[in-house]
N, C-alpha and C. Protein backbone atom coordinates (compact mmCIF):
# COMPACT_ATOMS: atom_id res chain seq x y z
N MET A 1 -18.28 6.35 3.79
CA MET A 1 -17.95 6.02 2.35
C MET A 1 -16.97 4.80 2.20
N TYR A 2 -16.03 4.80 2.89
CA TYR A 2 -15.11 3.64 3.01
C TYR A 2 -15.49 2.41 3.96
N ASP A 3 -16.25 1.65 3.48
CA ASP A 3 -16.69 0.50 4.23
C ASP A 3 -16.10 -0.70 3.69
N MET A 4 -15.32 -1.36 4.58
CA MET A 4 -14.62 -2.48 3.93
C MET A 4 -15.49 -3.71 3.40
N LYS A 5 -16.69 -3.83 3.76
CA LYS A 5 -17.67 -4.73 3.10
C LYS A 5 -17.91 -4.44 1.65
N VAL A 6 -17.66 -3.32 1.19
CA VAL A 6 -17.53 -2.95 -0.20
C VAL A 6 -16.70 -4.02 -1.02
N LEU A 7 -15.58 -4.20 -0.33
CA LEU A 7 -14.49 -5.26 -0.97
C LEU A 7 -15.30 -6.63 -1.35
N ASP A 8 -16.26 -6.94 -0.61
CA ASP A 8 -17.03 -8.12 -0.93
C ASP A 8 -17.36 -8.21 -2.36
N ARG A 9 -17.59 -7.16 -2.92
CA ARG A 9 -18.07 -7.05 -4.18
C ARG A 9 -17.08 -7.55 -5.10
N LEU A 10 -15.76 -7.61 -4.80
CA LEU A 10 -14.59 -8.10 -5.68
C LEU A 10 -14.83 -9.42 -5.99
N LYS A 11 -15.64 -10.15 -5.25
CA LYS A 11 -15.96 -11.56 -5.47
C LYS A 11 -16.51 -11.90 -6.85
N LYS A 12 -17.08 -10.75 -7.31
CA LYS A 12 -17.67 -10.89 -8.88
C LYS A 12 -16.68 -10.88 -9.89
N MET A 13 -15.38 -10.27 -9.55
CA MET A 13 -14.43 -10.11 -10.62
C MET A 13 -14.05 -11.50 -11.26
N PRO A 14 -13.61 -12.47 -10.68
CA PRO A 14 -13.25 -13.69 -11.34
C PRO A 14 -14.34 -14.05 -12.38
N GLU A 15 -15.58 -13.94 -12.20
CA GLU A 15 -16.63 -14.09 -13.12
C GLU A 15 -16.68 -13.18 -14.40
N LEU A 16 -16.51 -11.97 -13.88
CA LEU A 16 -16.61 -10.76 -14.94
C LEU A 16 -15.30 -10.55 -15.89
N ALA A 17 -14.32 -10.84 -15.18
CA ALA A 17 -12.97 -10.59 -15.92
C ALA A 17 -11.89 -11.56 -15.39
N PRO A 18 -12.18 -12.95 -15.82
CA PRO A 18 -11.50 -14.10 -15.09
C PRO A 18 -10.02 -13.91 -15.49
N GLU A 19 -9.62 -13.87 -16.65
CA GLU A 19 -8.10 -13.90 -16.92
C GLU A 19 -7.42 -12.70 -16.53
N ALA A 20 -7.95 -11.56 -16.48
CA ALA A 20 -7.24 -10.22 -16.00
C ALA A 20 -7.21 -10.31 -14.37
N PHE A 21 -8.31 -10.72 -13.90
CA PHE A 21 -8.24 -10.83 -12.43
C PHE A 21 -7.40 -11.85 -11.83
N ALA A 22 -7.40 -13.02 -12.56
CA ALA A 22 -6.33 -13.98 -12.17
C ALA A 22 -5.01 -13.63 -12.20
N ALA A 23 -4.57 -12.84 -13.36
CA ALA A 23 -3.30 -12.32 -13.60
C ALA A 23 -3.01 -11.34 -12.48
N TYR A 24 -3.98 -10.38 -12.12
CA TYR A 24 -3.74 -9.59 -10.96
C TYR A 24 -3.39 -10.19 -9.84
N ARG A 25 -4.25 -11.11 -9.45
CA ARG A 25 -3.91 -12.00 -8.20
C ARG A 25 -2.72 -12.53 -8.08
N GLU A 26 -2.14 -13.11 -9.37
CA GLU A 26 -0.93 -13.83 -9.25
C GLU A 26 0.28 -12.73 -9.21
N PHE A 27 -0.04 -11.45 -9.68
CA PHE A 27 0.92 -10.68 -9.72
C PHE A 27 1.21 -10.06 -8.18
N ALA A 28 0.13 -9.96 -7.53
CA ALA A 28 0.01 -9.60 -6.24
C ALA A 28 0.64 -10.53 -5.34
N ARG A 29 0.55 -11.92 -5.53
CA ARG A 29 1.20 -12.90 -4.87
C ARG A 29 2.64 -12.84 -5.07
N GLN A 30 2.97 -12.84 -6.22
CA GLN A 30 4.40 -12.77 -6.49
C GLN A 30 5.07 -11.57 -6.05
N ALA A 31 4.52 -10.22 -5.97
CA ALA A 31 5.14 -8.99 -5.60
C ALA A 31 5.35 -9.03 -4.03
N MET A 32 4.43 -9.71 -3.32
CA MET A 32 4.44 -9.65 -1.92
C MET A 32 4.83 -10.76 -1.25
N LYS A 33 5.45 -11.87 -2.07
CA LYS A 33 5.90 -12.88 -1.46
C LYS A 33 7.45 -12.75 -0.90
N GLU A 34 7.78 -13.62 0.02
CA GLU A 34 9.17 -13.43 0.64
C GLU A 34 10.25 -13.50 -0.67
N GLY A 35 11.18 -12.63 -0.45
CA GLY A 35 12.34 -12.52 -1.59
C GLY A 35 13.45 -11.87 -0.98
N ALA A 36 14.28 -11.21 -1.94
CA ALA A 36 15.24 -10.33 -1.50
C ALA A 36 14.86 -9.33 -0.31
N ILE A 37 13.66 -8.78 -0.59
CA ILE A 37 13.04 -7.91 0.38
C ILE A 37 12.14 -8.86 1.34
N PRO A 38 12.42 -8.78 2.64
CA PRO A 38 11.31 -9.67 3.42
C PRO A 38 9.96 -9.11 3.41
N VAL A 39 9.02 -10.04 3.54
CA VAL A 39 7.57 -9.56 3.51
C VAL A 39 7.27 -8.48 4.61
N LYS A 40 7.94 -8.38 5.67
CA LYS A 40 7.83 -7.39 6.71
C LYS A 40 8.11 -6.02 6.11
N TYR A 41 9.12 -5.99 5.31
CA TYR A 41 9.56 -4.70 4.69
C TYR A 41 8.47 -4.46 3.52
N LYS A 42 8.18 -5.34 2.70
CA LYS A 42 7.27 -5.19 1.65
C LYS A 42 5.99 -4.64 2.14
N GLU A 43 5.45 -4.90 3.40
CA GLU A 43 4.30 -4.55 3.95
C GLU A 43 4.42 -3.07 4.38
N LEU A 44 5.72 -2.84 5.00
CA LEU A 44 5.92 -1.39 5.28
C LEU A 44 6.03 -0.42 4.07
N ILE A 45 6.56 -0.98 3.04
CA ILE A 45 6.45 -0.30 1.74
C ILE A 45 5.11 -0.11 1.31
N ALA A 46 4.26 -1.12 1.26
CA ALA A 46 2.78 -0.84 0.90
C ALA A 46 2.06 0.06 1.70
N LEU A 47 2.29 0.18 3.18
CA LEU A 47 1.62 1.12 4.01
C LEU A 47 2.35 2.57 3.48
N GLY A 48 3.39 2.82 3.28
CA GLY A 48 3.82 4.10 2.85
C GLY A 48 3.30 4.14 1.49
N VAL A 49 3.10 3.54 0.64
CA VAL A 49 2.51 3.86 -0.79
C VAL A 49 1.00 4.12 -0.46
N ALA A 50 0.37 3.37 0.31
CA ALA A 50 -1.02 3.39 0.64
C ALA A 50 -1.16 4.94 1.37
N MET A 51 -0.42 5.34 2.24
CA MET A 51 -0.50 6.73 2.72
C MET A 51 -0.44 7.64 1.64
N THR A 52 0.45 7.46 0.98
CA THR A 52 0.70 8.53 -0.33
C THR A 52 -0.71 8.46 -1.28
N THR A 53 -1.04 7.31 -1.54
CA THR A 53 -2.20 7.42 -2.52
C THR A 53 -3.53 7.55 -1.73
N GLN A 54 -3.34 7.50 -0.48
CA GLN A 54 -4.64 7.89 0.46
C GLN A 54 -5.63 6.66 0.21
N CYS A 55 -5.24 5.33 0.16
CA CYS A 55 -6.24 4.40 -0.40
C CYS A 55 -6.66 3.85 0.96
N THR A 56 -7.70 4.16 1.58
CA THR A 56 -8.26 3.61 2.93
C THR A 56 -8.24 2.24 2.86
N TYR A 57 -8.62 1.57 1.77
CA TYR A 57 -8.75 0.07 1.75
C TYR A 57 -7.32 -0.54 1.82
N CYS A 58 -6.46 0.11 1.13
CA CYS A 58 -5.10 -0.61 1.18
C CYS A 58 -4.48 -0.22 2.55
N LEU A 59 -4.68 0.77 3.20
CA LEU A 59 -4.20 1.00 4.47
C LEU A 59 -4.81 -0.26 5.52
N GLU A 60 -6.02 -0.47 5.30
CA GLU A 60 -6.65 -1.40 6.33
C GLU A 60 -5.93 -2.79 5.94
N ILE A 61 -5.86 -2.96 4.72
CA ILE A 61 -5.40 -4.44 4.41
C ILE A 61 -3.97 -4.68 4.71
N HIS A 62 -3.20 -3.69 4.49
CA HIS A 62 -1.63 -3.87 4.65
C HIS A 62 -1.32 -3.59 6.06
N LYS A 63 -2.27 -2.81 6.80
CA LYS A 63 -1.90 -2.70 8.33
C LYS A 63 -2.07 -3.98 8.87
N LYS A 64 -3.15 -4.68 8.54
CA LYS A 64 -3.38 -6.06 9.12
C LYS A 64 -2.21 -7.05 8.77
N LYS A 65 -1.80 -7.05 7.60
CA LYS A 65 -0.68 -7.86 6.94
C LYS A 65 0.64 -7.58 7.51
N ALA A 66 0.79 -6.24 7.89
CA ALA A 66 2.10 -5.87 8.33
C ALA A 66 2.14 -6.27 9.81
N LYS A 67 1.07 -6.20 10.62
CA LYS A 67 1.11 -6.70 11.92
C LYS A 67 1.19 -8.23 11.96
N GLU A 68 0.79 -9.05 10.93
CA GLU A 68 0.87 -10.33 10.89
C GLU A 68 2.38 -10.74 10.63
N ALA A 69 2.95 -9.83 9.82
CA ALA A 69 4.47 -10.00 9.48
C ALA A 69 5.42 -9.62 10.63
N GLY A 70 4.73 -9.02 11.86
CA GLY A 70 5.61 -8.73 12.74
C GLY A 70 6.08 -7.10 12.86
N VAL A 71 5.48 -6.47 12.10
CA VAL A 71 5.65 -4.97 12.09
C VAL A 71 5.03 -4.26 13.59
N THR A 72 5.97 -3.57 14.06
CA THR A 72 5.51 -2.85 15.25
C THR A 72 5.03 -1.53 15.20
N GLU A 73 4.23 -1.09 16.12
CA GLU A 73 3.55 0.21 16.02
C GLU A 73 4.67 1.23 15.71
N GLN A 74 5.86 1.19 16.51
CA GLN A 74 6.94 2.02 16.29
C GLN A 74 7.47 2.13 14.76
N GLU A 75 7.57 0.88 14.32
CA GLU A 75 7.99 0.80 12.72
C GLU A 75 6.89 1.61 11.79
N ILE A 76 5.54 1.31 12.30
CA ILE A 76 4.67 1.86 11.48
C ILE A 76 4.70 3.43 11.56
N ALA A 77 4.89 4.01 12.82
CA ALA A 77 5.02 5.50 13.04
C ALA A 77 6.34 5.89 12.45
N GLU A 78 7.35 5.19 12.28
CA GLU A 78 8.55 5.58 11.47
C GLU A 78 8.17 5.69 9.88
N ALA A 79 7.51 4.64 9.56
CA ALA A 79 6.92 4.66 8.08
C ALA A 79 6.25 5.84 7.76
N VAL A 80 5.28 6.12 8.72
CA VAL A 80 4.48 7.49 8.51
C VAL A 80 5.32 8.72 8.28
N MET A 81 6.28 8.65 9.20
CA MET A 81 7.27 9.98 9.18
C MET A 81 7.91 9.92 7.88
N VAL A 82 8.53 8.83 7.35
CA VAL A 82 9.18 8.78 6.04
C VAL A 82 8.32 9.12 4.85
N THR A 83 7.07 8.69 4.97
CA THR A 83 6.08 8.99 3.97
C THR A 83 5.74 10.45 3.93
N ALA A 84 5.63 11.08 5.08
CA ALA A 84 5.16 12.51 5.28
C ALA A 84 6.47 13.43 4.86
N LEU A 85 7.57 12.89 5.08
CA LEU A 85 8.84 13.48 4.59
C LEU A 85 8.83 13.63 3.18
N LEU A 86 8.60 12.44 2.43
CA LEU A 86 8.57 12.48 0.83
C LEU A 86 7.51 13.22 0.40
N ARG A 87 6.22 13.27 0.94
CA ARG A 87 5.14 14.02 0.29
C ARG A 87 5.42 15.55 0.62
N CYS A 88 6.33 15.73 1.85
CA CYS A 88 6.63 17.37 2.12
C CYS A 88 7.78 17.67 1.19
N GLY A 89 8.72 16.91 0.85
CA GLY A 89 9.83 17.05 0.24
C GLY A 89 9.37 17.36 -1.46
N ALA A 90 8.38 16.55 -1.80
CA ALA A 90 7.99 16.67 -3.25
C ALA A 90 7.32 18.25 -3.47
N ALA A 91 6.45 18.67 -2.29
CA ALA A 91 5.95 19.92 -2.36
C ALA A 91 7.08 20.91 -2.33
N VAL A 92 7.92 20.86 -1.63
CA VAL A 92 9.24 21.72 -1.55
C VAL A 92 10.08 21.85 -2.77
N THR A 93 10.29 20.71 -3.30
CA THR A 93 11.06 20.66 -4.47
C THR A 93 10.30 21.11 -5.75
N HIS A 94 9.04 20.74 -5.96
CA HIS A 94 8.31 21.24 -6.93
C HIS A 94 8.05 22.65 -6.85
N GLY A 95 8.17 23.28 -5.56
CA GLY A 95 8.02 24.75 -5.51
C GLY A 95 9.03 25.53 -6.12
N ALA A 96 10.21 24.76 -6.47
CA ALA A 96 11.29 25.45 -7.26
C ALA A 96 10.82 26.00 -8.71
N HIS A 97 9.74 25.23 -9.16
CA HIS A 97 9.20 25.63 -10.56
C HIS A 97 8.51 26.89 -10.42
N CYS A 98 8.14 27.39 -9.21
CA CYS A 98 7.46 28.65 -9.08
C CYS A 98 8.32 29.81 -8.89
N LEU A 99 9.75 29.39 -8.84
CA LEU A 99 10.56 30.48 -8.63
C LEU A 99 11.15 30.75 -9.89
N GLU A 100 11.73 32.05 -10.04
CA GLU A 100 12.49 32.56 -11.20
C GLU A 100 14.01 32.30 -11.01
């Protein structure tokens, strides 16, 4: 179901929705560029969010970019555990709504 080749279809977007897609691309560029938060950390954040949203495409894209930014497998593993903690914590804390 998740074939990275599907993303090739996004090449149609500039033609189909030129202004909106250009704005999206610029937003992405601005959000992910070096700033107060280094690109390496931004890519780790992106991986954590992608794990939470379970976006396979985002995982593949940001895994590649994270490695290019110097992220190690150990850092990715720790990011996985932080992400798991937050998902688990959300279930536990939301469980309080089920208690009297």
